[in-house]
Amino acid sequence: MTESASTEAERTHSVVTVDLTPYRNNIALTTDKTLHRGMLNVWGNSLPAEVLPHDGLTVGGIPFRGVPGGGAEPDNIRCAGQYLALPRTTADWLHLLATSERRCEETAFVHYASGATDPEWLRVSDFLPARAHFGELLAARSDALLYPHHRQENLGGRLWAVRVPVTRREPVCGLRLPDNPALHVFAVSLECVR
């Protein structure tokens, strides 16, 4: 066995989920009784709360923390340039559970413990039914879209699992989200390979 093959066999893979509770500022998951609280877009649409399990979700082998749904409290981050503190760990990818009103291509900034900051693309497809424009994985979907006063069957919504690369081989410490209110982040996980 060569040295590189031995090194590959010894690598460990782990995922760290991030608690977004302090950053959540928007409601996008509602019930028939809380339709009026939905703010997935300017028309007050929302997705049925059952789209995301409260106890977590795994997409493409990556676990994400559960999201509070039902319209009683914020369940996502409507992006407005927030800085998210991340666990200080060496990561290879940042995985986001996200959706967008219309697809978007924005710049997010990965912050490192050394003080370095790198701009990285954050590409997210539309929440309205369509295929993944940027090759993301479909994380969840609904068969209905909720409006402030009614439930529209046969017009569902989509949530996507997207990746942001971590290019430096040093610990990350934060992520600066884009300033785009059409972009919504529900969960973040860090994938680490050592």
N, C-alpha and C. Protein backbone atom coordinates (compact mmCIF):
# COMPACT_ATOMS: atom_id res chain seq x y z
N MET A 1 0.85 -1.18 0.00
CA MET A 1 0.00 0.00 0.00
C MET A 1 0.89 1.24 0.00
N THR A 2 0.57 2.20 -0.85
CA THR A 2 1.35 3.43 -0.92
C THR A 2 1.00 4.33 0.25
N GLU A 3 1.84 5.34 0.49
CA GLU A 3 1.58 6.27 1.59
C GLU A 3 0.28 7.03 1.40
N SER A 4 -0.03 7.46 0.16
CA SER A 4 -1.26 8.21 -0.07
C SER A 4 -2.49 7.33 0.14
N ALA A 5 -2.42 6.06 -0.25
CA ALA A 5 -3.56 5.15 -0.02
C ALA A 5 -3.77 4.93 1.46
N SER A 6 -2.69 4.82 2.21
CA SER A 6 -2.78 4.65 3.66
C SER A 6 -3.42 5.87 4.31
N THR A 7 -3.02 7.05 3.86
CA THR A 7 -3.58 8.29 4.39
C THR A 7 -5.08 8.37 4.11
N GLU A 8 -5.49 8.01 2.90
CA GLU A 8 -6.91 8.03 2.55
C GLU A 8 -7.71 7.12 3.47
N ALA A 9 -7.20 5.94 3.77
CA ALA A 9 -7.92 4.98 4.60
C ALA A 9 -8.06 5.49 6.04
N GLU A 10 -7.15 6.34 6.48
CA GLU A 10 -7.17 6.83 7.85
C GLU A 10 -8.02 8.08 8.03
N ARG A 11 -8.52 8.66 6.98
CA ARG A 11 -9.31 9.89 7.09
C ARG A 11 -10.65 9.61 7.76
N THR A 12 -11.10 10.59 8.52
CA THR A 12 -12.41 10.48 9.16
C THR A 12 -13.33 11.56 8.60
N HIS A 13 -14.58 11.26 8.56
CA HIS A 13 -15.58 12.16 8.02
C HIS A 13 -16.55 12.50 9.15
N SER A 14 -16.84 13.79 9.32
CA SER A 14 -17.81 14.19 10.34
C SER A 14 -18.60 15.40 9.85
N VAL A 15 -19.77 15.59 10.45
CA VAL A 15 -20.61 16.74 10.12
C VAL A 15 -21.02 17.41 11.42
N VAL A 16 -20.88 18.73 11.45
CA VAL A 16 -21.28 19.53 12.60
C VAL A 16 -22.48 20.38 12.19
N THR A 17 -23.59 20.24 12.90
CA THR A 17 -24.76 21.07 12.60
C THR A 17 -24.68 22.36 13.41
N VAL A 18 -25.23 23.42 12.86
CA VAL A 18 -25.15 24.75 13.47
C VAL A 18 -26.53 25.15 14.01
N ASP A 19 -26.55 25.68 15.22
CA ASP A 19 -27.80 26.18 15.80
C ASP A 19 -28.06 27.58 15.26
N LEU A 20 -29.11 27.72 14.46
CA LEU A 20 -29.43 29.02 13.85
C LEU A 20 -30.50 29.79 14.63
N THR A 21 -30.90 29.27 15.79
CA THR A 21 -31.95 29.92 16.57
C THR A 21 -31.73 31.42 16.77
N PRO A 22 -30.52 31.87 17.15
CA PRO A 22 -30.34 33.31 17.38
C PRO A 22 -30.46 34.18 16.12
N TYR A 23 -30.38 33.55 14.95
CA TYR A 23 -30.36 34.32 13.70
C TYR A 23 -31.68 34.30 12.94
N ARG A 24 -32.56 33.39 13.27
CA ARG A 24 -33.81 33.27 12.53
C ARG A 24 -34.64 34.55 12.68
N ASN A 25 -35.12 35.06 11.55
CA ASN A 25 -35.83 36.33 11.55
C ASN A 25 -37.07 36.34 10.64
N ASN A 26 -37.50 35.14 10.20
CA ASN A 26 -38.56 35.10 9.20
C ASN A 26 -39.37 33.82 9.33
N ILE A 27 -40.62 33.88 8.94
CA ILE A 27 -41.50 32.71 8.94
C ILE A 27 -41.84 32.33 7.50
N ALA A 28 -41.50 31.09 7.14
CA ALA A 28 -41.80 30.60 5.80
C ALA A 28 -42.57 29.28 5.83
N LEU A 29 -42.76 28.72 7.03
CA LEU A 29 -43.47 27.45 7.21
C LEU A 29 -44.67 27.70 8.10
N THR A 30 -45.88 27.49 7.58
CA THR A 30 -47.07 27.78 8.36
C THR A 30 -48.06 26.61 8.29
N THR A 31 -49.13 26.75 9.04
CA THR A 31 -50.24 25.80 9.02
C THR A 31 -51.47 26.52 8.50
N ASP A 32 -52.56 25.79 8.37
CA ASP A 32 -53.80 26.42 7.90
C ASP A 32 -54.27 27.52 8.86
N LYS A 33 -53.88 27.44 10.13
CA LYS A 33 -54.29 28.45 11.12
C LYS A 33 -53.34 29.64 11.20
N THR A 34 -52.15 29.50 10.62
CA THR A 34 -51.17 30.60 10.71
C THR A 34 -50.75 31.12 9.33
N LEU A 35 -51.59 30.91 8.33
CA LEU A 35 -51.29 31.34 6.96
C LEU A 35 -50.88 32.81 6.89
N HIS A 36 -51.53 33.64 7.67
CA HIS A 36 -51.32 35.09 7.62
C HIS A 36 -49.92 35.50 8.09
N ARG A 37 -49.17 34.59 8.72
CA ARG A 37 -47.84 34.92 9.22
C ARG A 37 -46.72 34.62 8.22
N GLY A 38 -47.06 33.98 7.10
CA GLY A 38 -46.04 33.58 6.13
C GLY A 38 -45.39 34.77 5.44
N MET A 39 -44.07 34.70 5.29
CA MET A 39 -43.31 35.77 4.63
C MET A 39 -42.19 35.21 3.76
N LEU A 40 -42.52 34.17 2.98
CA LEU A 40 -41.51 33.62 2.07
C LEU A 40 -41.22 34.59 0.93
N ASN A 41 -42.19 35.46 0.64
CA ASN A 41 -41.99 36.49 -0.38
C ASN A 41 -42.89 37.68 -0.05
N VAL A 42 -42.86 38.68 -0.91
CA VAL A 42 -43.62 39.91 -0.63
C VAL A 42 -45.14 39.71 -0.68
N TRP A 43 -45.60 38.60 -1.26
CA TRP A 43 -47.03 38.32 -1.32
C TRP A 43 -47.51 37.52 -0.11
N GLY A 44 -46.62 37.24 0.82
CA GLY A 44 -47.00 36.52 2.02
C GLY A 44 -47.20 35.03 1.84
N ASN A 45 -46.57 34.46 0.81
CA ASN A 45 -46.65 33.02 0.63
C ASN A 45 -45.86 32.29 1.71
N SER A 46 -46.18 31.03 1.89
CA SER A 46 -45.43 30.16 2.79
C SER A 46 -45.59 28.73 2.31
N LEU A 47 -44.83 27.83 2.93
CA LEU A 47 -44.91 26.42 2.63
C LEU A 47 -45.53 25.70 3.82
N PRO A 48 -46.21 24.58 3.60
CA PRO A 48 -46.78 23.84 4.71
C PRO A 48 -45.69 23.41 5.70
N ALA A 49 -45.97 23.57 6.99
CA ALA A 49 -44.99 23.29 8.03
C ALA A 49 -44.46 21.86 7.97
N GLU A 50 -45.27 20.93 7.51
CA GLU A 50 -44.84 19.54 7.49
C GLU A 50 -43.76 19.24 6.45
N VAL A 51 -43.41 20.22 5.63
CA VAL A 51 -42.35 20.05 4.63
C VAL A 51 -41.02 19.70 5.29
N LEU A 52 -40.72 20.33 6.43
CA LEU A 52 -39.47 20.07 7.13
C LEU A 52 -39.75 19.44 8.49
N PRO A 53 -39.16 18.28 8.77
CA PRO A 53 -39.37 17.64 10.06
C PRO A 53 -38.75 18.45 11.20
N HIS A 54 -39.43 18.46 12.35
CA HIS A 54 -38.92 19.18 13.52
C HIS A 54 -37.67 18.53 14.10
N ASP A 55 -37.49 17.24 13.84
CA ASP A 55 -36.38 16.52 14.45
C ASP A 55 -35.16 16.40 13.54
N GLY A 56 -35.15 17.08 12.43
CA GLY A 56 -33.98 17.10 11.55
C GLY A 56 -34.24 16.39 10.23
N LEU A 57 -33.28 16.54 9.34
CA LEU A 57 -33.41 16.04 7.98
C LEU A 57 -32.01 15.70 7.48
N THR A 58 -31.88 14.62 6.73
CA THR A 58 -30.61 14.25 6.11
C THR A 58 -30.80 14.28 4.60
N VAL A 59 -29.91 15.02 3.92
CA VAL A 59 -29.98 15.16 2.46
C VAL A 59 -28.61 14.84 1.90
N GLY A 60 -28.53 13.88 1.00
CA GLY A 60 -27.25 13.52 0.41
C GLY A 60 -26.22 13.09 1.43
N GLY A 61 -26.68 12.47 2.51
CA GLY A 61 -25.77 12.02 3.57
C GLY A 61 -25.38 13.09 4.56
N ILE A 62 -25.89 14.31 4.41
CA ILE A 62 -25.57 15.42 5.31
C ILE A 62 -26.76 15.68 6.22
N PRO A 63 -26.57 15.55 7.54
CA PRO A 63 -27.67 15.86 8.47
C PRO A 63 -27.80 17.36 8.70
N PHE A 64 -29.04 17.80 8.83
CA PHE A 64 -29.34 19.19 9.17
C PHE A 64 -30.19 19.19 10.43
N ARG A 65 -30.03 20.22 11.26
CA ARG A 65 -30.86 20.35 12.46
C ARG A 65 -32.31 20.56 12.08
N GLY A 66 -33.18 20.20 13.00
CA GLY A 66 -34.60 20.42 12.80
C GLY A 66 -34.93 21.91 12.77
N VAL A 67 -36.03 22.21 12.13
CA VAL A 67 -36.47 23.59 11.96
C VAL A 67 -37.85 23.73 12.62
N PRO A 68 -38.03 24.75 13.48
CA PRO A 68 -39.36 24.93 14.07
C PRO A 68 -40.33 25.42 13.00
N GLY A 69 -41.38 24.71 12.78
CA GLY A 69 -42.35 25.10 11.76
C GLY A 69 -43.72 25.28 12.39
N GLY A 70 -44.58 25.94 11.71
CA GLY A 70 -45.94 26.10 12.19
C GLY A 70 -46.39 27.54 12.29
N GLY A 71 -45.49 28.48 12.10
CA GLY A 71 -45.86 29.88 12.10
C GLY A 71 -45.85 30.57 13.44
N ALA A 72 -45.50 29.85 14.51
CA ALA A 72 -45.49 30.47 15.84
C ALA A 72 -44.20 31.25 16.11
N GLU A 73 -43.10 30.83 15.47
CA GLU A 73 -41.81 31.50 15.67
C GLU A 73 -41.02 31.45 14.38
N PRO A 74 -40.00 32.29 14.25
CA PRO A 74 -39.20 32.29 13.02
C PRO A 74 -38.58 30.92 12.75
N ASP A 75 -38.54 30.53 11.47
CA ASP A 75 -38.01 29.23 11.09
C ASP A 75 -36.86 29.31 10.09
N ASN A 76 -36.53 30.52 9.63
CA ASN A 76 -35.45 30.67 8.65
C ASN A 76 -34.80 32.04 8.79
N ILE A 77 -33.70 32.20 8.07
CA ILE A 77 -33.02 33.49 8.01
C ILE A 77 -33.31 34.11 6.65
N ARG A 78 -33.98 35.24 6.65
CA ARG A 78 -34.11 36.02 5.41
C ARG A 78 -32.82 36.81 5.32
N CYS A 79 -32.07 36.57 4.27
CA CYS A 79 -30.70 37.11 4.18
C CYS A 79 -30.67 38.62 4.06
N ALA A 80 -29.92 39.23 4.97
CA ALA A 80 -29.75 40.69 4.99
C ALA A 80 -28.33 41.03 5.40
N GLY A 81 -27.37 40.22 4.95
CA GLY A 81 -25.97 40.47 5.26
C GLY A 81 -25.54 40.04 6.65
N GLN A 82 -26.30 39.13 7.29
CA GLN A 82 -25.98 38.69 8.64
C GLN A 82 -24.65 37.93 8.68
N TYR A 83 -23.98 38.06 9.83
CA TYR A 83 -22.78 37.27 10.10
C TYR A 83 -23.20 36.13 11.02
N LEU A 84 -23.00 34.90 10.58
CA LEU A 84 -23.31 33.72 11.38
C LEU A 84 -22.02 33.19 11.99
N ALA A 85 -21.95 33.15 13.30
CA ALA A 85 -20.80 32.54 13.96
C ALA A 85 -20.88 31.03 13.77
N LEU A 86 -19.79 30.41 13.34
CA LEU A 86 -19.73 28.98 13.11
C LEU A 86 -18.79 28.34 14.13
N PRO A 87 -19.00 27.05 14.43
CA PRO A 87 -18.04 26.35 15.29
C PRO A 87 -16.66 26.40 14.67
N ARG A 88 -15.65 26.70 15.46
CA ARG A 88 -14.28 26.78 14.93
C ARG A 88 -13.77 25.38 14.68
N THR A 89 -13.79 25.00 13.41
CA THR A 89 -13.32 23.69 13.01
C THR A 89 -12.82 23.76 11.58
N THR A 90 -11.95 22.86 11.23
CA THR A 90 -11.48 22.78 9.85
C THR A 90 -12.53 22.05 9.04
N ALA A 91 -13.10 22.70 8.05
CA ALA A 91 -14.18 22.13 7.25
C ALA A 91 -13.81 22.13 5.78
N ASP A 92 -14.49 21.28 5.03
CA ASP A 92 -14.29 21.23 3.59
C ASP A 92 -15.46 21.87 2.83
N TRP A 93 -16.66 21.76 3.42
CA TRP A 93 -17.85 22.32 2.80
C TRP A 93 -18.76 22.91 3.86
N LEU A 94 -19.46 23.97 3.50
CA LEU A 94 -20.60 24.45 4.27
C LEU A 94 -21.83 24.04 3.48
N HIS A 95 -22.74 23.33 4.12
CA HIS A 95 -23.97 22.88 3.48
C HIS A 95 -25.12 23.72 4.02
N LEU A 96 -25.93 24.25 3.13
CA LEU A 96 -27.07 25.07 3.52
C LEU A 96 -28.36 24.45 3.00
N LEU A 97 -29.37 24.48 3.83
CA LEU A 97 -30.72 24.14 3.43
C LEU A 97 -31.38 25.48 3.14
N ALA A 98 -31.71 25.73 1.86
CA ALA A 98 -32.12 27.09 1.47
C ALA A 98 -33.12 27.05 0.33
N THR A 99 -33.72 28.20 0.11
CA THR A 99 -34.57 28.40 -1.07
C THR A 99 -34.54 29.88 -1.42
N SER A 100 -35.09 30.20 -2.58
CA SER A 100 -35.06 31.58 -3.04
C SER A 100 -36.33 31.90 -3.83
N GLU A 101 -36.73 33.14 -3.73
CA GLU A 101 -37.78 33.62 -4.63
C GLU A 101 -37.07 34.00 -5.91
N ARG A 102 -37.35 33.26 -6.95
CA ARG A 102 -36.56 33.29 -8.17
C ARG A 102 -35.17 32.77 -7.81
N ARG A 103 -34.52 32.19 -8.75
CA ARG A 103 -33.17 31.68 -8.43
C ARG A 103 -32.22 32.85 -8.23
N CYS A 104 -31.21 32.63 -7.41
CA CYS A 104 -30.27 33.72 -7.17
C CYS A 104 -28.84 33.22 -7.16
N GLU A 105 -27.95 34.09 -7.53
CA GLU A 105 -26.51 33.87 -7.46
C GLU A 105 -25.94 35.04 -6.68
N GLU A 106 -25.44 34.76 -5.52
CA GLU A 106 -24.94 35.80 -4.63
C GLU A 106 -23.56 35.41 -4.11
N THR A 107 -22.90 36.36 -3.49
CA THR A 107 -21.61 36.10 -2.86
C THR A 107 -21.79 36.03 -1.36
N ALA A 108 -21.33 34.94 -0.78
CA ALA A 108 -21.25 34.80 0.67
C ALA A 108 -19.77 34.88 1.03
N PHE A 109 -19.46 35.22 2.28
CA PHE A 109 -18.07 35.35 2.69
C PHE A 109 -17.77 34.36 3.81
N VAL A 110 -16.81 33.48 3.55
CA VAL A 110 -16.37 32.52 4.56
C VAL A 110 -15.26 33.17 5.37
N HIS A 111 -15.45 33.23 6.69
CA HIS A 111 -14.48 33.84 7.59
C HIS A 111 -13.69 32.74 8.30
N TYR A 112 -12.39 32.98 8.46
CA TYR A 112 -11.49 32.01 9.08
C TYR A 112 -10.94 32.55 10.39
N ALA A 113 -10.54 31.63 11.26
CA ALA A 113 -10.02 32.01 12.56
C ALA A 113 -8.76 32.87 12.46
N SER A 114 -8.03 32.75 11.36
CA SER A 114 -6.80 33.54 11.16
C SER A 114 -7.11 35.00 10.84
N GLY A 115 -8.37 35.32 10.54
CA GLY A 115 -8.74 36.67 10.13
C GLY A 115 -8.98 36.78 8.63
N ALA A 116 -8.63 35.75 7.88
CA ALA A 116 -8.84 35.75 6.43
C ALA A 116 -10.34 35.62 6.12
N THR A 117 -10.71 36.18 4.97
CA THR A 117 -12.10 36.10 4.49
C THR A 117 -12.07 35.83 3.00
N ASP A 118 -12.84 34.84 2.56
CA ASP A 118 -12.90 34.50 1.14
C ASP A 118 -14.33 34.63 0.61
N PRO A 119 -14.51 35.30 -0.53
CA PRO A 119 -15.83 35.33 -1.16
C PRO A 119 -16.08 34.00 -1.87
N GLU A 120 -17.28 33.48 -1.75
CA GLU A 120 -17.66 32.23 -2.42
C GLU A 120 -19.07 32.38 -2.98
N TRP A 121 -19.34 31.71 -4.11
CA TRP A 121 -20.66 31.74 -4.71
C TRP A 121 -21.66 30.99 -3.83
N LEU A 122 -22.84 31.56 -3.71
CA LEU A 122 -23.98 30.89 -3.10
C LEU A 122 -25.08 30.94 -4.15
N ARG A 123 -25.37 29.78 -4.74
CA ARG A 123 -26.36 29.70 -5.82
C ARG A 123 -27.53 28.86 -5.34
N VAL A 124 -28.73 29.42 -5.43
CA VAL A 124 -29.93 28.74 -4.94
C VAL A 124 -31.05 28.87 -5.95
N SER A 125 -31.69 27.74 -6.24
CA SER A 125 -32.80 27.73 -7.20
C SER A 125 -34.09 28.25 -6.56
N ASP A 126 -35.07 28.49 -7.40
CA ASP A 126 -36.36 29.04 -7.02
C ASP A 126 -37.15 28.06 -6.16
N PHE A 127 -37.99 28.60 -5.26
CA PHE A 127 -38.85 27.73 -4.46
C PHE A 127 -40.05 27.21 -5.26
N LEU A 128 -40.39 27.86 -6.36
CA LEU A 128 -41.49 27.37 -7.19
C LEU A 128 -41.06 26.12 -7.94
N PRO A 129 -42.00 25.22 -8.25
CA PRO A 129 -41.65 23.94 -8.84
C PRO A 129 -40.87 24.06 -10.15
N ALA A 130 -39.67 23.55 -10.11
CA ALA A 130 -38.79 23.49 -11.28
C ALA A 130 -37.61 22.60 -10.89
N ARG A 131 -36.82 22.26 -11.87
CA ARG A 131 -35.64 21.45 -11.56
C ARG A 131 -34.56 22.36 -10.95
N ALA A 132 -33.57 21.74 -10.37
CA ALA A 132 -32.47 22.50 -9.77
C ALA A 132 -31.66 23.17 -10.88
N HIS A 133 -31.65 24.47 -10.89
CA HIS A 133 -30.93 25.20 -11.94
C HIS A 133 -29.41 25.09 -11.77
N PHE A 134 -28.96 24.99 -10.53
CA PHE A 134 -27.52 24.98 -10.25
C PHE A 134 -27.01 23.60 -9.83
N GLY A 135 -27.83 22.57 -9.99
CA GLY A 135 -27.40 21.23 -9.65
C GLY A 135 -27.51 20.88 -8.17
N GLU A 136 -28.24 21.68 -7.40
CA GLU A 136 -28.43 21.38 -5.99
C GLU A 136 -29.24 20.09 -5.84
N LEU A 137 -29.23 19.57 -4.63
CA LEU A 137 -30.08 18.42 -4.32
C LEU A 137 -31.42 18.92 -3.79
N LEU A 138 -32.50 18.29 -4.22
CA LEU A 138 -33.81 18.60 -3.68
C LEU A 138 -33.86 18.09 -2.25
N ALA A 139 -34.11 18.98 -1.31
CA ALA A 139 -34.12 18.61 0.11
C ALA A 139 -35.54 18.31 0.59
N ALA A 140 -36.50 19.07 0.10
CA ALA A 140 -37.90 18.89 0.51
C ALA A 140 -38.80 19.57 -0.51
N ARG A 141 -40.02 19.08 -0.59
CA ARG A 141 -40.98 19.70 -1.50
C ARG A 141 -42.37 19.55 -0.93
N SER A 142 -43.23 20.45 -1.35
CA SER A 142 -44.63 20.39 -0.94
C SER A 142 -45.50 20.32 -2.18
N ASP A 143 -46.73 19.86 -1.98
CA ASP A 143 -47.69 19.79 -3.08
C ASP A 143 -48.65 20.97 -3.06
N ALA A 144 -48.43 21.88 -2.11
CA ALA A 144 -49.30 23.05 -1.99
C ALA A 144 -48.47 24.27 -1.66
N LEU A 145 -48.94 25.42 -2.09
CA LEU A 145 -48.35 26.70 -1.72
C LEU A 145 -49.39 27.45 -0.90
N LEU A 146 -48.96 28.02 0.20
CA LEU A 146 -49.90 28.70 1.08
C LEU A 146 -49.87 30.20 0.83
N TYR A 147 -51.06 30.79 0.81
CA TYR A 147 -51.25 32.23 0.65
C TYR A 147 -51.81 32.76 1.97
N PRO A 148 -51.82 34.07 2.18
CA PRO A 148 -52.30 34.60 3.46
C PRO A 148 -53.72 34.18 3.83
N HIS A 149 -54.56 33.84 2.83
CA HIS A 149 -55.95 33.50 3.14
C HIS A 149 -56.42 32.16 2.58
N HIS A 150 -55.52 31.44 1.92
CA HIS A 150 -55.95 30.14 1.39
C HIS A 150 -54.75 29.24 1.06
N ARG A 151 -55.07 27.99 0.84
CA ARG A 151 -54.09 26.97 0.46
C ARG A 151 -54.31 26.65 -1.01
N GLN A 152 -53.26 26.77 -1.83
CA GLN A 152 -53.35 26.50 -3.26
C GLN A 152 -52.75 25.13 -3.55
N GLU A 153 -53.60 24.16 -3.80
CA GLU A 153 -53.13 22.81 -4.13
C GLU A 153 -52.52 22.81 -5.53
N ASN A 154 -51.73 21.81 -5.81
CA ASN A 154 -51.10 21.60 -7.12
C ASN A 154 -50.14 22.73 -7.52
N LEU A 155 -49.66 23.49 -6.56
CA LEU A 155 -48.62 24.49 -6.80
C LEU A 155 -47.71 24.44 -5.58
N GLY A 156 -46.72 23.60 -5.65
CA GLY A 156 -45.88 23.34 -4.49
C GLY A 156 -44.67 24.25 -4.39
N GLY A 157 -43.84 23.91 -3.44
CA GLY A 157 -42.61 24.65 -3.21
C GLY A 157 -41.43 23.71 -3.05
N ARG A 158 -40.22 24.23 -3.16
CA ARG A 158 -39.00 23.44 -3.09
C ARG A 158 -38.01 24.07 -2.12
N LEU A 159 -37.31 23.21 -1.39
CA LEU A 159 -36.16 23.61 -0.58
C LEU A 159 -34.96 22.83 -1.11
N TRP A 160 -33.81 23.47 -1.12
CA TRP A 160 -32.62 22.89 -1.75
C TRP A 160 -31.47 22.72 -0.76
N ALA A 161 -30.67 21.68 -1.00
CA ALA A 161 -29.42 21.49 -0.26
C ALA A 161 -28.30 21.99 -1.17
N VAL A 162 -27.62 23.05 -0.73
CA VAL A 162 -26.56 23.66 -1.54
C VAL A 162 -25.24 23.60 -0.77
N ARG A 163 -24.13 23.69 -1.51
CA ARG A 163 -22.80 23.64 -0.90
C ARG A 163 -22.03 24.92 -1.18
N VAL A 164 -21.29 25.34 -0.18
CA VAL A 164 -20.35 26.46 -0.32
C VAL A 164 -18.98 25.91 0.03
N PRO A 165 -17.99 26.04 -0.87
CA PRO A 165 -16.68 25.45 -0.58
C PRO A 165 -15.92 26.22 0.49
N VAL A 166 -15.14 25.47 1.26
CA VAL A 166 -14.20 26.06 2.22
C VAL A 166 -12.82 25.73 1.66
N THR A 167 -12.15 26.72 1.13
CA THR A 167 -10.93 26.46 0.36
C THR A 167 -9.64 26.48 1.17
N ARG A 168 -9.64 27.15 2.30
CA ARG A 168 -8.43 27.21 3.12
C ARG A 168 -8.38 26.02 4.08
N ARG A 169 -7.19 25.56 4.35
CA ARG A 169 -7.01 24.45 5.28
C ARG A 169 -6.72 24.99 6.67
N GLU A 170 -7.65 25.77 7.16
CA GLU A 170 -7.57 26.35 8.50
C GLU A 170 -8.99 26.47 9.05
N PRO A 171 -9.14 26.60 10.36
CA PRO A 171 -10.49 26.63 10.94
C PRO A 171 -11.34 27.79 10.45
N VAL A 172 -12.60 27.49 10.17
CA VAL A 172 -13.56 28.54 9.86
C VAL A 172 -14.09 29.09 11.18
N CYS A 173 -14.66 30.29 11.14
CA CYS A 173 -15.28 30.85 12.34
C CYS A 173 -16.60 31.55 12.04
N GLY A 174 -16.90 31.80 10.74
CA GLY A 174 -18.15 32.49 10.45
C GLY A 174 -18.49 32.49 8.98
N LEU A 175 -19.73 32.87 8.71
CA LEU A 175 -20.23 32.99 7.35
C LEU A 175 -21.05 34.27 7.26
N ARG A 176 -20.66 35.16 6.36
CA ARG A 176 -21.42 36.38 6.10
C ARG A 176 -22.38 36.09 4.95
N LEU A 177 -23.68 36.17 5.24
CA LEU A 177 -24.69 35.91 4.22
C LEU A 177 -24.84 37.10 3.28
N PRO A 178 -25.34 36.87 2.08
CA PRO A 178 -25.59 37.99 1.15
C PRO A 178 -26.71 38.89 1.68
N ASP A 179 -26.81 40.06 1.12
CA ASP A 179 -27.92 40.97 1.43
C ASP A 179 -28.93 40.83 0.29
N ASN A 180 -29.81 39.85 0.42
CA ASN A 180 -30.82 39.58 -0.60
C ASN A 180 -32.04 38.98 0.09
N PRO A 181 -33.10 39.76 0.29
CA PRO A 181 -34.27 39.28 1.01
C PRO A 181 -35.03 38.15 0.30
N ALA A 182 -34.70 37.86 -0.94
CA ALA A 182 -35.34 36.74 -1.65
C ALA A 182 -34.72 35.40 -1.25
N LEU A 183 -33.58 35.43 -0.59
CA LEU A 183 -32.84 34.23 -0.22
C LEU A 183 -33.12 33.86 1.24
N HIS A 184 -33.49 32.59 1.47
CA HIS A 184 -33.86 32.11 2.80
C HIS A 184 -33.01 30.89 3.17
N VAL A 185 -32.40 30.92 4.36
CA VAL A 185 -31.58 29.82 4.85
C VAL A 185 -32.28 29.20 6.06
N PHE A 186 -32.51 27.89 5.99
CA PHE A 186 -33.21 27.17 7.06
C PHE A 186 -32.25 26.42 7.99
N ALA A 187 -31.13 25.96 7.47
CA ALA A 187 -30.18 25.19 8.27
C ALA A 187 -28.80 25.26 7.65
N VAL A 188 -27.77 25.07 8.50
CA VAL A 188 -26.38 25.06 8.04
C VAL A 188 -25.66 23.91 8.75
N SER A 189 -24.87 23.16 7.99
CA SER A 189 -24.03 22.10 8.52
C SER A 189 -22.64 22.22 7.92
N LEU A 190 -21.61 21.88 8.71
CA LEU A 190 -20.23 21.90 8.25
C LEU A 190 -19.76 20.48 8.03
N GLU A 191 -19.23 20.19 6.86
CA GLU A 191 -18.70 18.85 6.56
C GLU A 191 -17.19 18.89 6.71
N CYS A 192 -16.68 17.99 7.53
CA CYS A 192 -15.26 17.96 7.83
C CYS A 192 -14.68 16.60 7.44
N VAL A 193 -13.56 16.61 6.72
CA VAL A 193 -12.83 15.40 6.39
C VAL A 193 -11.41 15.58 6.89
N ARG A 194 -10.97 14.69 7.77
CA ARG A 194 -9.63 14.82 8.35
C ARG A 194 -8.84 13.56 8.14
